[in-house]
Amino acid sequence: LSGLDPAQPYFQGTPIEVRLDKSDADFVDIIHTDSAPTIPNLGFGMSPAIGHIDFYPNGGKEMPGCEKNPLSQIIDLDGIWEGTRDFAACNHLRSYKYYSDSIIYPDGFLGYPCASYDLFQSGDCFPCPAEGCPNMGHYADKFKDNFKRGFVKLYLNTGEAKDFPLWRYKITVTLSGKKKVRGYVNVALYGSGGNTRQYQITSGSLKPDNTYTAYIDAEVNVGKVTKVKFLWNNNWINPTLPKLGAATITVEAGQNR
């Protein structure tokens, strides 16, 4: 059984005979997308873990792309009816959109086992464990034999609009140069599965020999990394023409470590 943001009002906190529970099937997976409290946040979905595995994309409360202004939401790419529904219950309805997207991305929507969304965001639960990360949505049952006891909370980030899956990478850059400068460092990944846009690794004071780390959620699974593009910019004209490079760049893919 797959629970697509199971309802909170009248169901949360009730006995398991009343609501969806992992005792209802051999394997129950849940996608939580609107689990903020109903009062005062109008959250429609329940927040506690109730399945064998529970996915909390983007933390489970506020979904990217749902904060668009009402007019742009209603005059949607999918038409006025779809846009109107999204305006009324955008976070709640993301659950079925993620599920439908997951059917065509068998390698996407990796959920990282973690104690909280904040810890996931900070990289504490990266990379996937040795046995791998479950895929949120249609292919979650590939992991049905791995989780039999307790409740497992899984976190991931998604895109703002279709196509929703993102792939998580850890990028570590050690700088080289003669002197400290201010600016930002961007990195783009190129690989057998495609190329990413530029992602900012750090900004502010850039010091040679220092190492900077960032976790990025890329819009493509780059596969085998073939090239890394490094760019830095100090945002203004500097008559001393400072030079800065990358001594090393390390890329770690969350799914295969």
Foldseek 3Di string as FASTA:
>chain_A
DEAQQWFDPPPPPDDCVRGPAQVPDLFYEYEAQACDDCVPPNGGGHDDFGTLEYECEVQRHHAAQLPDDLVDQCCDPVHNVNSVVCVVPVRSVVSVVQQVLCVVVVPFQFWFFDPGPVCVQVPVRFAHPPVFGAHPHDRNCVCSVVGDDDYTYTYYYFDNDPVTTWWKKKKKFAKAFDAKAFWWKWKKWAAPWGIFDIDTQDGTIDGHRDMTMHMDTTPTDRPGTDDMDMDIDRPDDDPVPTDMDTPDMDMDTRGND
